[in-house]
Amino acid sequence: MTMSMNLHPEYVTNDNGERISVILPIEEFNTLVEQTNSGFQENKLYFQESLSNIENGTTTTLSHKDVWESIDKHTKVS
């Protein structure tokens, strides 16, 4: 689950005034890292479960072509 944050970045600029780096308070940085890691773990678990379902035959797969045909069929405007 991703939660919105109110970030307080400070920008480091080069001589031309272009932003080249960002400084965040450590608490905000740590929260971003934690959310990223949590999201990765959620995705990893989802894909592991999906692969297991495919391997044990409890779900079926579709070809890329079939997926796009289904999308086209369900999104066409008459």
C-alpha atoms as a PDB file:
ATOM      1  CA  MET A   1       0.000   0.000   0.000  1.00  0.00           C
ATOM      2  CA  THR A   2       1.381   3.375  -0.983  1.00  0.00           C
ATOM      3  CA  MET A   3       0.629   6.340   1.194  1.00  0.00           C
ATOM      4  CA  SER A   4       0.950   9.905  -0.004  1.00  0.00           C
ATOM      5  CA  MET A   5       3.596  12.008   1.657  1.00  0.00           C
ATOM      6  CA  ASN A   6       4.208  15.678   2.032  1.00  0.00           C
ATOM      7  CA  LEU A   7       7.843  15.903   0.950  1.00  0.00           C
ATOM      8  CA  HIS A   8      10.153  18.791   1.739  1.00  0.00           C
ATOM      9  CA  PRO A   9      12.881  18.615  -0.910  1.00  0.00           C
ATOM     10  CA  GLU A  10      15.772  21.005  -1.194  1.00  0.00           C
ATOM     11  CA  TYR A  11      17.252  21.253  -4.675  1.00  0.00           C
ATOM     12  CA  VAL A  12      20.917  21.531  -5.526  1.00  0.00           C
ATOM     13  CA  THR A  13      21.503  23.424  -8.753  1.00  0.00           C
ATOM     14  CA  ASN A  14      24.434  23.816 -11.081  1.00  0.00           C
ATOM     15  CA  ASP A  15      25.849  27.140 -12.270  1.00  0.00           C
ATOM     16  CA  ASN A  16      23.073  27.362 -14.884  1.00  0.00           C
ATOM     17  CA  GLY A  17      20.353  26.985 -12.248  1.00  0.00           C
ATOM     18  CA  GLU A  18      19.425  23.473 -13.400  1.00  0.00           C
ATOM     19  CA  ARG A  19      18.400  21.051 -10.683  1.00  0.00           C
ATOM     20  CA  ILE A  20      20.998  18.320 -10.380  1.00  0.00           C
ATOM     21  CA  SER A  21      20.314  16.787  -6.959  1.00  0.00           C
ATOM     22  CA  VAL A  22      17.704  16.630  -4.230  1.00  0.00           C
ATOM     23  CA  ILE A  23      18.147  16.681  -0.479  1.00  0.00           C
ATOM     24  CA  LEU A  24      15.381  15.226   1.684  1.00  0.00           C
ATOM     25  CA  PRO A  25      15.030  15.063   5.439  1.00  0.00           C
ATOM     26  CA  ILE A  26      16.207  11.597   6.494  1.00  0.00           C
ATOM     27  CA  GLU A  27      12.777  10.611   7.837  1.00  0.00           C
ATOM     28  CA  GLU A  28      11.188  11.326   4.452  1.00  0.00           C
ATOM     29  CA  PHE A  29      13.949   9.469   2.635  1.00  0.00           C
ATOM     30  CA  ASN A  30      13.608   6.442   4.906  1.00  0.00           C
ATOM     31  CA  THR A  31       9.832   6.408   4.400  1.00  0.00           C
ATOM     32  CA  LEU A  32      10.268   6.479   0.628  1.00  0.00           C
ATOM     33  CA  VAL A  33      12.746   3.598   0.780  1.00  0.00           C
ATOM     34  CA  GLU A  34      10.414   1.624   3.056  1.00  0.00           C
ATOM     35  CA  GLN A  35       7.446   2.180   0.737  1.00  0.00           C
ATOM     36  CA  THR A  36       9.511   1.146  -2.283  1.00  0.00           C
ATOM     37  CA  ASN A  37      10.708  -2.028  -0.569  1.00  0.00           C
ATOM     38  CA  SER A  38       7.190  -2.827   0.623  1.00  0.00           C
ATOM     39  CA  GLY A  39       5.795  -2.382  -2.892  1.00  0.00           C
ATOM     40  CA  PHE A  40       8.531  -4.608  -4.300  1.00  0.00           C
ATOM     41  CA  GLN A  41       7.731  -7.342  -1.783  1.00  0.00           C
ATOM     42  CA  GLU A  42       3.993  -7.108  -2.564  1.00  0.00           C
ATOM     43  CA  ASN A  43       4.707  -7.415  -6.295  1.00  0.00           C
ATOM     44  CA  LYS A  44       7.123 -10.287  -5.730  1.00  0.00           C
ATOM     45  CA  LEU A  45       4.540 -12.208  -3.688  1.00  0.00           C
ATOM     46  CA  TYR A  46       1.861 -11.568  -6.323  1.00  0.00           C
ATOM     47  CA  PHE A  47       4.060 -12.873  -9.131  1.00  0.00           C
ATOM     48  CA  GLN A  48       5.209 -15.881  -7.101  1.00  0.00           C
ATOM     49  CA  GLU A  49       1.580 -16.780  -6.403  1.00  0.00           C
ATOM     50  CA  SER A  50       0.631 -16.268 -10.050  1.00  0.00           C
ATOM     51  CA  LEU A  51       3.496 -18.465 -11.232  1.00  0.00           C
ATOM     52  CA  SER A  52       2.507 -21.149  -8.738  1.00  0.00           C
ATOM     53  CA  ASN A  53      -1.095 -21.017 -10.014  1.00  0.00           C
ATOM     54  CA  ILE A  54       0.121 -21.435 -13.599  1.00  0.00           C
ATOM     55  CA  GLU A  55       2.417 -24.299 -12.660  1.00  0.00           C
ATOM     56  CA  ASN A  56      -0.265 -26.222 -10.754  1.00  0.00           C
ATOM     57  CA  GLY A  57      -2.916 -25.608 -13.416  1.00  0.00           C
ATOM     58  CA  THR A  58      -5.321 -23.507 -11.338  1.00  0.00           C
ATOM     59  CA  THR A  59      -5.127 -20.664 -13.831  1.00  0.00           C
ATOM     60  CA  THR A  60      -4.551 -20.412 -17.528  1.00  0.00           C
ATOM     61  CA  THR A  61      -2.381 -18.139 -19.578  1.00  0.00           C
ATOM     62  CA  LEU A  62      -3.182 -16.085 -22.645  1.00  0.00           C
ATOM     63  CA  SER A  63      -0.940 -15.219 -25.527  1.00  0.00           C
ATOM     64  CA  HIS A  64       0.039 -11.609 -26.082  1.00  0.00           C
ATOM     65  CA  LYS A  65      -2.135 -11.606 -29.207  1.00  0.00           C
ATOM     66  CA  ASP A  66      -5.174 -12.897 -27.284  1.00  0.00           C
ATOM     67  CA  VAL A  67      -4.739 -10.274 -24.575  1.00  0.00           C
ATOM     68  CA  TRP A  68      -4.668  -7.434 -27.101  1.00  0.00           C
ATOM     69  CA  GLU A  69      -7.634  -8.866 -28.999  1.00  0.00           C
ATOM     70  CA  SER A  70      -9.604  -8.971 -25.752  1.00  0.00           C
ATOM     71  CA  ILE A  71      -8.614  -5.409 -24.902  1.00  0.00           C
ATOM     72  CA  ASP A  72      -9.616  -4.229 -28.369  1.00  0.00           C
ATOM     73  CA  LYS A  73     -12.942  -6.094 -28.145  1.00  0.00           C
ATOM     74  CA  HIS A  74     -13.831  -4.553 -24.772  1.00  0.00           C
ATOM     75  CA  THR A  75     -12.679  -1.016 -25.503  1.00  0.00           C
ATOM     76  CA  LYS A  76     -14.090  -0.403 -28.974  1.00  0.00           C
ATOM     77  CA  VAL A  77     -16.523   2.467 -29.178  1.00  0.00           C
ATOM     78  CA  SER A  78     -19.556   1.713 -31.347  1.00  0.00           C
END
